[in-house]
Structures are given as C-alpha cells and as structure tokens.
PDB file of N, CA and C in Angstrom:
ATOM      1  N   UNK A   1      -0.480   0.956  40.687  1.00  0.00           N
ATOM      2  CA  UNK A   1       0.308   0.409  39.286  1.00  0.00           C
ATOM      3  C   UNK A   1      -0.413   0.928  38.135  1.00  0.00           C
ATOM      4  N   UNK A   2       0.317   1.461  37.149  1.00  0.00           N
ATOM      5  CA  UNK A   2      -0.337   2.062  35.939  1.00  0.00           C
ATOM      6  C   UNK A   2      -0.854   0.857  35.006  1.00  0.00           C
ATOM      7  N   UNK A   3      -1.949   1.497  34.396  1.00  0.00           N
ATOM      8  CA  UNK A   3      -2.512   0.553  33.563  1.00  0.00           C
ATOM      9  C   UNK A   3      -1.913   0.858  32.112  1.00  0.00           C
ATOM     10  N   UNK A   4      -1.184  -0.075  31.502  1.00  0.00           N
ATOM     11  CA  UNK A   4      -0.677   0.283  30.140  1.00  0.00           C
ATOM     12  C   UNK A   4      -1.704   0.193  29.013  1.00  0.00           C
ATOM     13  N   UNK A   5      -2.774  -0.227  29.252  1.00  0.00           N
ATOM     14  CA  UNK A   5      -3.799  -0.397  28.174  1.00  0.00           C
ATOM     15  C   UNK A   5      -4.863   0.729  28.397  1.00  0.00           C
ATOM     16  N   UNK A   6      -4.583   1.845  29.070  1.00  0.00           N
ATOM     17  CA  UNK A   6      -5.360   2.887  29.579  1.00  0.00           C
ATOM     18  C   UNK A   6      -5.876   3.559  28.203  1.00  0.00           C
ATOM     19  N   UNK A   7      -7.263   3.890  28.101  1.00  0.00           N
ATOM     20  CA  UNK A   7      -7.774   4.475  26.849  1.00  0.00           C
ATOM     21  C   UNK A   7      -7.467   5.964  26.989  1.00  0.00           C
ATOM     22  N   UNK A   8      -7.213   6.606  25.701  1.00  0.00           N
ATOM     23  CA  UNK A   8      -6.820   7.995  25.769  1.00  0.00           C
ATOM     24  C   UNK A   8      -8.149   8.701  25.534  1.00  0.00           C
ATOM     25  N   UNK A   9      -8.278   9.910  26.033  1.00  0.00           N
ATOM     26  CA  UNK A   9      -9.608  10.750  25.787  1.00  0.00           C
ATOM     27  C   UNK A   9      -9.707  10.962  24.155  1.00  0.00           C
ATOM     28  N   UNK A  10     -10.882  10.932  23.750  1.00  0.00           N
ATOM     29  CA  UNK A  10     -11.254  11.184  22.312  1.00  0.00           C
ATOM     30  C   UNK A  10     -10.462  12.316  21.663  1.00  0.00           C
ATOM     31  N   UNK A  11      -9.788  11.993  20.540  1.00  0.00           N
ATOM     32  CA  UNK A  11      -9.341  13.015  19.815  1.00  0.00           C
ATOM     33  C   UNK A  11      -7.705  13.323  20.295  1.00  0.00           C
ATOM     34  N   UNK A  12      -7.328  12.552  21.410  1.00  0.00           N
ATOM     35  CA  UNK A  12      -5.910  12.885  21.890  1.00  0.00           C
ATOM     36  C   UNK A  12      -4.891  12.080  21.124  1.00  0.00           C
ATOM     37  N   UNK A  13      -3.857  12.658  20.603  1.00  0.00           N
ATOM     38  CA  UNK A  13      -2.875  11.899  19.907  1.00  0.00           C
ATOM     39  C   UNK A  13      -1.507  12.198  20.694  1.00  0.00           C
ATOM     40  N   UNK A  14      -0.979  11.365  21.370  1.00  0.00           N
ATOM     41  CA  UNK A  14       0.157  11.600  22.169  1.00  0.00           C
ATOM     42  C   UNK A  14       1.488  11.854  21.351  1.00  0.00           C
ATOM     43  N   UNK A  15       1.449  11.257  20.137  1.00  0.00           N
ATOM     44  CA  UNK A  15       2.645  11.444  19.293  1.00  0.00           C
ATOM     45  C   UNK A  15       2.434  12.614  18.347  1.00  0.00           C
ATOM     46  N   UNK A  16       1.290  13.016  18.123  1.00  0.00           N
ATOM     47  CA  UNK A  16       0.974  14.210  17.177  1.00  0.00           C
ATOM     48  C   UNK A  16       1.148  13.804  15.756  1.00  0.00           C
ATOM     49  N   UNK A  17       0.990  12.553  15.679  1.00  0.00           N
ATOM     50  CA  UNK A  17       0.996  11.969  14.094  1.00  0.00           C
ATOM     51  C   UNK A  17      -0.156  12.269  13.268  1.00  0.00           C
ATOM     52  N   UNK A  18      -1.400  12.528  13.943  1.00  0.00           N
ATOM     53  CA  UNK A  18      -2.583  12.894  13.226  1.00  0.00           C
ATOM     54  C   UNK A  18      -2.292  14.430  12.620  1.00  0.00           C
ATOM     55  N   UNK A  19      -1.826  15.301  13.481  1.00  0.00           N
ATOM     56  CA  UNK A  19      -1.613  16.776  13.229  1.00  0.00           C
ATOM     57  C   UNK A  19      -0.481  16.694  12.077  1.00  0.00           C
ATOM     58  N   UNK A  20       0.551  16.001  12.022  1.00  0.00           N
ATOM     59  CA  UNK A  20       1.534  15.969  11.115  1.00  0.00           C
ATOM     60  C   UNK A  20       1.126  15.385   9.857  1.00  0.00           C
ATOM     61  N   UNK A  21       0.113  14.365   9.837  1.00  0.00           N
ATOM     62  CA  UNK A  21      -0.318  13.945   8.566  1.00  0.00           C
ATOM     63  C   UNK A  21      -1.262  15.050   7.899  1.00  0.00           C
ATOM     64  N   UNK A  22      -2.135  15.578   8.701  1.00  0.00           N
ATOM     65  CA  UNK A  22      -2.942  16.684   8.277  1.00  0.00           C
ATOM     66  C   UNK A  22      -2.213  17.784   7.668  1.00  0.00           C
ATOM     67  N   UNK A  23      -1.169  18.081   8.281  1.00  0.00           N
ATOM     68  CA  UNK A  23      -0.241  19.185   7.712  1.00  0.00           C
ATOM     69  C   UNK A  23       0.259  18.883   6.305  1.00  0.00           C
ATOM     70  N   UNK A  24       0.787  17.672   6.258  1.00  0.00           N
ATOM     71  CA  UNK A  24       1.228  17.104   5.006  1.00  0.00           C
ATOM     72  C   UNK A  24       0.375  17.122   3.886  1.00  0.00           C
ATOM     73  N   UNK A  25      -0.995  16.658   4.227  1.00  0.00           N
ATOM     74  CA  UNK A  25      -1.930  16.695   3.208  1.00  0.00           C
ATOM     75  C   UNK A  25      -2.263  17.992   2.770  1.00  0.00           C
ATOM     76  N   UNK A  26      -2.490  18.787   3.770  1.00  0.00           N
ATOM     77  CA  UNK A  26      -2.868  20.250   3.396  1.00  0.00           C
ATOM     78  C   UNK A  26      -1.800  21.056   2.689  1.00  0.00           C
ATOM     79  N   UNK A  27      -0.474  20.707   2.951  1.00  0.00           N
ATOM     80  CA  UNK A  27       0.480  21.352   2.175  1.00  0.00           C
ATOM     81  C   UNK A  27       0.474  20.974   0.673  1.00  0.00           C
ATOM     82  N   UNK A  28       0.018  19.720   0.427  1.00  0.00           N
ATOM     83  CA  UNK A  28      -0.130  19.380  -0.998  1.00  0.00           C
ATOM     84  C   UNK A  28      -1.076  19.974  -1.814  1.00  0.00           C
ATOM     85  N   UNK A  29      -2.024  20.526  -1.066  1.00  0.00           N
ATOM     86  CA  UNK A  29      -3.161  21.081  -1.840  1.00  0.00           C
ATOM     87  C   UNK A  29      -3.161  22.609  -1.867  1.00  0.00           C
ATOM     88  N   UNK A  30      -2.285  23.355  -1.316  1.00  0.00           N
ATOM     89  CA  UNK A  30      -2.207  24.811  -1.508  1.00  0.00           C
ATOM     90  C   UNK A  30      -1.300  25.201  -2.527  1.00  0.00           C
ATOM     91  N   UNK A  31      -1.558  26.285  -3.201  1.00  0.00           N
ATOM     92  CA  UNK A  31      -0.552  26.939  -3.958  1.00  0.00           C
ATOM     93  C   UNK A  31      -0.583  26.229  -5.328  1.00  0.00           C
ATOM     94  N   UNK A  32       0.167  27.130  -6.254  1.00  0.00           N
ATOM     95  CA  UNK A  32       0.150  26.459  -7.666  1.00  0.00           C
ATOM     96  C   UNK A  32       1.246  25.384  -7.624  1.00  0.00           C
ATOM     97  N   UNK A  33       2.306  25.431  -6.857  1.00  0.00           N
ATOM     98  CA  UNK A  33       3.267  24.379  -7.014  1.00  0.00           C
ATOM     99  C   UNK A  33       2.794  23.057  -6.396  1.00  0.00           C
ATOM    100  N   UNK A  34       1.777  23.182  -5.636  1.00  0.00           N
ATOM    101  CA  UNK A  34       1.162  21.868  -4.831  1.00  0.00           C
ATOM    102  C   UNK A  34       0.017  21.240  -5.884  1.00  0.00           C
ATOM    103  N   UNK A  35      -0.425  22.107  -6.698  1.00  0.00           N
ATOM    104  CA  UNK A  35      -1.453  21.555  -7.679  1.00  0.00           C
ATOM    105  C   UNK A  35      -1.074  20.775  -8.823  1.00  0.00           C
ATOM    106  N   UNK A  36      -1.599  19.634  -9.057  1.00  0.00           N
ATOM    107  CA  UNK A  36      -1.390  18.854 -10.159  1.00  0.00           C
ATOM    108  C   UNK A  36      -2.598  18.674 -10.987  1.00  0.00           C
ATOM    109  N   UNK A  37      -2.259  18.609 -12.328  1.00  0.00           N
ATOM    110  CA  UNK A  37      -3.573  18.425 -13.287  1.00  0.00           C
ATOM    111  C   UNK A  37      -3.722  16.807 -12.974  1.00  0.00           C
ATOM    112  N   UNK A  38      -5.062  16.700 -13.096  1.00  0.00           N
ATOM    113  CA  UNK A  38      -5.634  15.285 -12.773  1.00  0.00           C
ATOM    114  C   UNK A  38      -5.187  14.412 -13.923  1.00  0.00           C
ATOM    115  N   UNK A  39      -4.648  13.416 -13.666  1.00  0.00           N
ATOM    116  CA  UNK A  39      -4.025  12.436 -14.803  1.00  0.00           C
ATOM    117  C   UNK A  39      -5.342  11.751 -15.385  1.00  0.00           C
ATOM    118  N   UNK A  40      -5.459  11.647 -16.769  1.00  0.00           N
ATOM    119  CA  UNK A  40      -6.601  10.975 -17.216  1.00  0.00           C
ATOM    120  C   UNK A  40      -6.675   9.495 -16.898  1.00  0.00           C
ATOM    121  N   UNK A  41      -7.866   9.052 -16.917  1.00  0.00           N
ATOM    122  CA  UNK A  41      -8.188   7.523 -16.353  1.00  0.00           C
ATOM    123  C   UNK A  41      -7.450   6.812 -17.440  1.00  0.00           C
ATOM    124  N   UNK A  42      -6.766   5.721 -16.963  1.00  0.00           N
ATOM    125  CA  UNK A  42      -6.040   4.899 -17.937  1.00  0.00           C
ATOM    126  C   UNK A  42      -7.093   3.994 -18.748  1.00  0.00           C
ATOM    127  N   UNK A  43      -6.762   3.596 -19.895  1.00  0.00           N
ATOM    128  CA  UNK A  43      -7.668   2.953 -20.685  1.00  0.00           C
ATOM    129  C   UNK A  43      -7.633   1.409 -20.084  1.00  0.00           C
ATOM    130  N   UNK A  44      -8.708   0.908 -20.140  1.00  0.00           N
ATOM    131  CA  UNK A  44      -8.877  -0.597 -19.490  1.00  0.00           C
ATOM    132  C   UNK A  44      -7.991  -1.470 -20.366  1.00  0.00           C
ATOM    133  N   UNK A  45      -7.342  -2.243 -19.645  1.00  0.00           N
ATOM    134  CA  UNK A  45      -6.434  -3.122 -20.216  1.00  0.00           C
ATOM    135  C   UNK A  45      -6.219  -4.442 -19.452  1.00  0.00           C
ATOM    136  N   UNK A  46      -5.739  -5.449 -20.073  1.00  0.00           N
ATOM    137  CA  UNK A  46      -5.582  -6.639 -19.273  1.00  0.00           C
ATOM    138  C   UNK A  46      -4.272  -6.871 -18.654  1.00  0.00           C
ATOM    139  N   UNK A  47      -3.527  -5.639 -18.458  1.00  0.00           N
ATOM    140  CA  UNK A  47      -2.151  -5.608 -17.909  1.00  0.00           C
ATOM    141  C   UNK A  47      -2.028  -6.455 -16.548  1.00  0.00           C
ATOM    142  N   UNK A  48      -2.677  -5.981 -15.429  1.00  0.00           N
ATOM    143  CA  UNK A  48      -2.668  -6.595 -14.320  1.00  0.00           C
ATOM    144  C   UNK A  48      -3.077  -8.153 -14.299  1.00  0.00           C
ATOM    145  N   UNK A  49      -4.077  -8.426 -15.022  1.00  0.00           N
ATOM    146  CA  UNK A  49      -4.487  -9.679 -15.249  1.00  0.00           C
ATOM    147  C   UNK A  49      -3.438 -10.692 -16.016  1.00  0.00           C
ATOM    148  N   UNK A  50      -2.713 -10.192 -16.882  1.00  0.00           N
ATOM    149  CA  UNK A  50      -1.588 -10.964 -17.606  1.00  0.00           C
ATOM    150  C   UNK A  50      -0.656 -11.064 -16.613  1.00  0.00           C
ATOM    151  N   UNK A  51      -0.183 -10.202 -15.740  1.00  0.00           N
ATOM    152  CA  UNK A  51       0.918 -10.403 -14.742  1.00  0.00           C
ATOM    153  C   UNK A  51       0.532 -11.419 -13.806  1.00  0.00           C
ATOM    154  N   UNK A  52      -0.642 -11.402 -13.305  1.00  0.00           N
ATOM    155  CA  UNK A  52      -1.165 -12.498 -12.393  1.00  0.00           C
ATOM    156  C   UNK A  52      -1.127 -13.651 -12.838  1.00  0.00           C
ATOM    157  N   UNK A  53      -1.491 -13.995 -14.051  1.00  0.00           N
ATOM    158  CA  UNK A  53      -1.463 -15.140 -14.672  1.00  0.00           C
ATOM    159  C   UNK A  53      -0.086 -15.757 -14.974  1.00  0.00           C
ATOM    160  N   UNK A  54       0.830 -14.705 -15.480  1.00  0.00           N
ATOM    161  CA  UNK A  54       2.202 -15.152 -15.427  1.00  0.00           C
ATOM    162  C   UNK A  54       2.807 -15.553 -14.307  1.00  0.00           C
ATOM    163  N   UNK A  55       2.543 -14.851 -13.095  1.00  0.00           N
ATOM    164  CA  UNK A  55       3.127 -15.200 -11.854  1.00  0.00           C
ATOM    165  C   UNK A  55       2.616 -16.515 -11.345  1.00  0.00           C
ATOM    166  N   UNK A  56       1.325 -16.823 -11.546  1.00  0.00           N
ATOM    167  CA  UNK A  56       0.832 -18.129 -11.029  1.00  0.00           C
ATOM    168  C   UNK A  56       1.457 -19.307 -11.795  1.00  0.00           C
ATOM    169  N   UNK A  57       1.686 -19.003 -13.122  1.00  0.00           N
ATOM    170  CA  UNK A  57       2.376 -20.106 -14.024  1.00  0.00           C
ATOM    171  C   UNK A  57       3.862 -20.121 -13.471  1.00  0.00           C
ATOM    172  N   UNK A  58       4.598 -19.063 -13.253  1.00  0.00           N
ATOM    173  CA  UNK A  58       5.832 -19.158 -12.751  1.00  0.00           C
ATOM    174  C   UNK A  58       5.978 -19.941 -11.448  1.00  0.00           C
ATOM    175  N   UNK A  59       5.057 -19.623 -10.550  1.00  0.00           N
ATOM    176  CA  UNK A  59       5.108 -20.335  -9.289  1.00  0.00           C
ATOM    177  C   UNK A  59       4.820 -21.859  -9.470  1.00  0.00           C
ATOM    178  N   UNK A  60       3.869 -22.128 -10.521  1.00  0.00           N
ATOM    179  CA  UNK A  60       3.646 -23.662 -10.554  1.00  0.00           C
ATOM    180  C   UNK A  60       4.934 -24.333 -11.125  1.00  0.00           C
ATOM    181  N   UNK A  61       5.673 -23.595 -11.997  1.00  0.00           N
ATOM    182  CA  UNK A  61       6.882 -24.131 -12.576  1.00  0.00           C
ATOM    183  C   UNK A  61       7.964 -24.168 -11.547  1.00  0.00           C
ATOM    184  N   UNK A  62       8.014 -23.361 -10.700  1.00  0.00           N
ATOM    185  CA  UNK A  62       8.964 -23.464  -9.428  1.00  0.00           C
ATOM    186  C   UNK A  62       8.645 -24.592  -8.786  1.00  0.00           C
ATOM    187  N   UNK A  63       7.427 -24.683  -8.204  1.00  0.00           N
ATOM    188  CA  UNK A  63       6.908 -25.794  -7.285  1.00  0.00           C
ATOM    189  C   UNK A  63       7.192 -27.164  -8.058  1.00  0.00           C
ATOM    190  N   UNK A  64       6.906 -27.156  -9.360  1.00  0.00           N
ATOM    191  CA  UNK A  64       7.141 -28.535 -10.037  1.00  0.00           C
ATOM    192  C   UNK A  64       8.767 -28.850 -10.084  1.00  0.00           C
ATOM    193  N   UNK A  65       9.527 -27.792 -10.126  1.00  0.00           N
ATOM    194  CA  UNK A  65      11.030 -27.969 -10.303  1.00  0.00           C
ATOM    195  C   UNK A  65      11.354 -28.412  -9.000  1.00  0.00           C
ATOM    196  N   UNK A  66      10.850 -27.903  -7.832  1.00  0.00           N
ATOM    197  CA  UNK A  66      11.269 -28.289  -6.495  1.00  0.00           C
ATOM    198  C   UNK A  66      10.990 -29.834  -6.242  1.00  0.00           C
ATOM    199  N   UNK A  67       9.648 -30.162  -6.498  1.00  0.00           N
ATOM    200  CA  UNK A  67       9.193 -31.481  -6.411  1.00  0.00           C
ATOM    201  C   UNK A  67       9.959 -32.555  -7.243  1.00  0.00           C
ATOM    202  N   UNK A  68      10.373 -32.195  -8.406  1.00  0.00           N
ATOM    203  CA  UNK A  68      11.011 -32.992  -9.439  1.00  0.00           C
ATOM    204  C   UNK A  68      12.580 -33.225  -8.693  1.00  0.00           C
ATOM    205  N   UNK A  69      13.172 -32.157  -8.198  1.00  0.00           N
ATOM    206  CA  UNK A  69      14.520 -32.373  -7.725  1.00  0.00           C
ATOM    207  C   UNK A  69      14.413 -33.145  -6.231  1.00  0.00           C
ATOM    208  N   UNK A  70      13.409 -32.827  -5.623  1.00  0.00           N
ATOM    209  CA  UNK A  70      13.259 -33.606  -4.344  1.00  0.00           C
ATOM    210  C   UNK A  70      13.081 -35.086  -4.538  1.00  0.00           C
ATOM    211  N   UNK A  71      12.366 -35.444  -5.504  1.00  0.00           N
ATOM    212  CA  UNK A  71      12.062 -36.949  -5.688  1.00  0.00           C
ATOM    213  C   UNK A  71      13.028 -37.465  -6.688  1.00  0.00           C
ATOM    214  N   UNK A  72      13.593 -36.708  -7.446  1.00  0.00           N
ATOM    215  CA  UNK A  72      14.619 -37.328  -8.416  1.00  0.00           C
ATOM    216  C   UNK A  72      15.822 -37.772  -7.959  1.00  0.00           C
TER     217      UNK A  72
END
C-alpha cells in the first residue's frame, strides 16, 4: 500500500512550480523593459490609520443597528 504522506527528496518539486516561479522572477529583472525605476518612498501619512478607525466605527454602527432592530 502506498503512503500518501511520503516525504519527497530535498529540492524535488513534482509540479515544477518552484522553477516556474524562479523563471517569472528572473524574467522581470532582465533587460531594459523589465527594469523599473524605484518608486520614491511615500511620505508618512495617517491614511491607513484613518481607514482603520472609519472601518471600526462603521462596524460598531452596523452592530448597533442590528441589535436595535432585533430588540425593537
């Protein structure tokens, strides 16, 4: 009976996905078409924090509305 949990030898990739991934990454680095200028670091802003706070407030409002409808 075959063991479905048999360990593969080190470095063996039956689907070849590792080689395909490496080829994809290497393709993006070669030639002038594959090179991109490094984007400047974005200025530090409170954008994500504001979005998180707005999301939490929206969630609280939705939960409060559901409770109000359920009890009302």
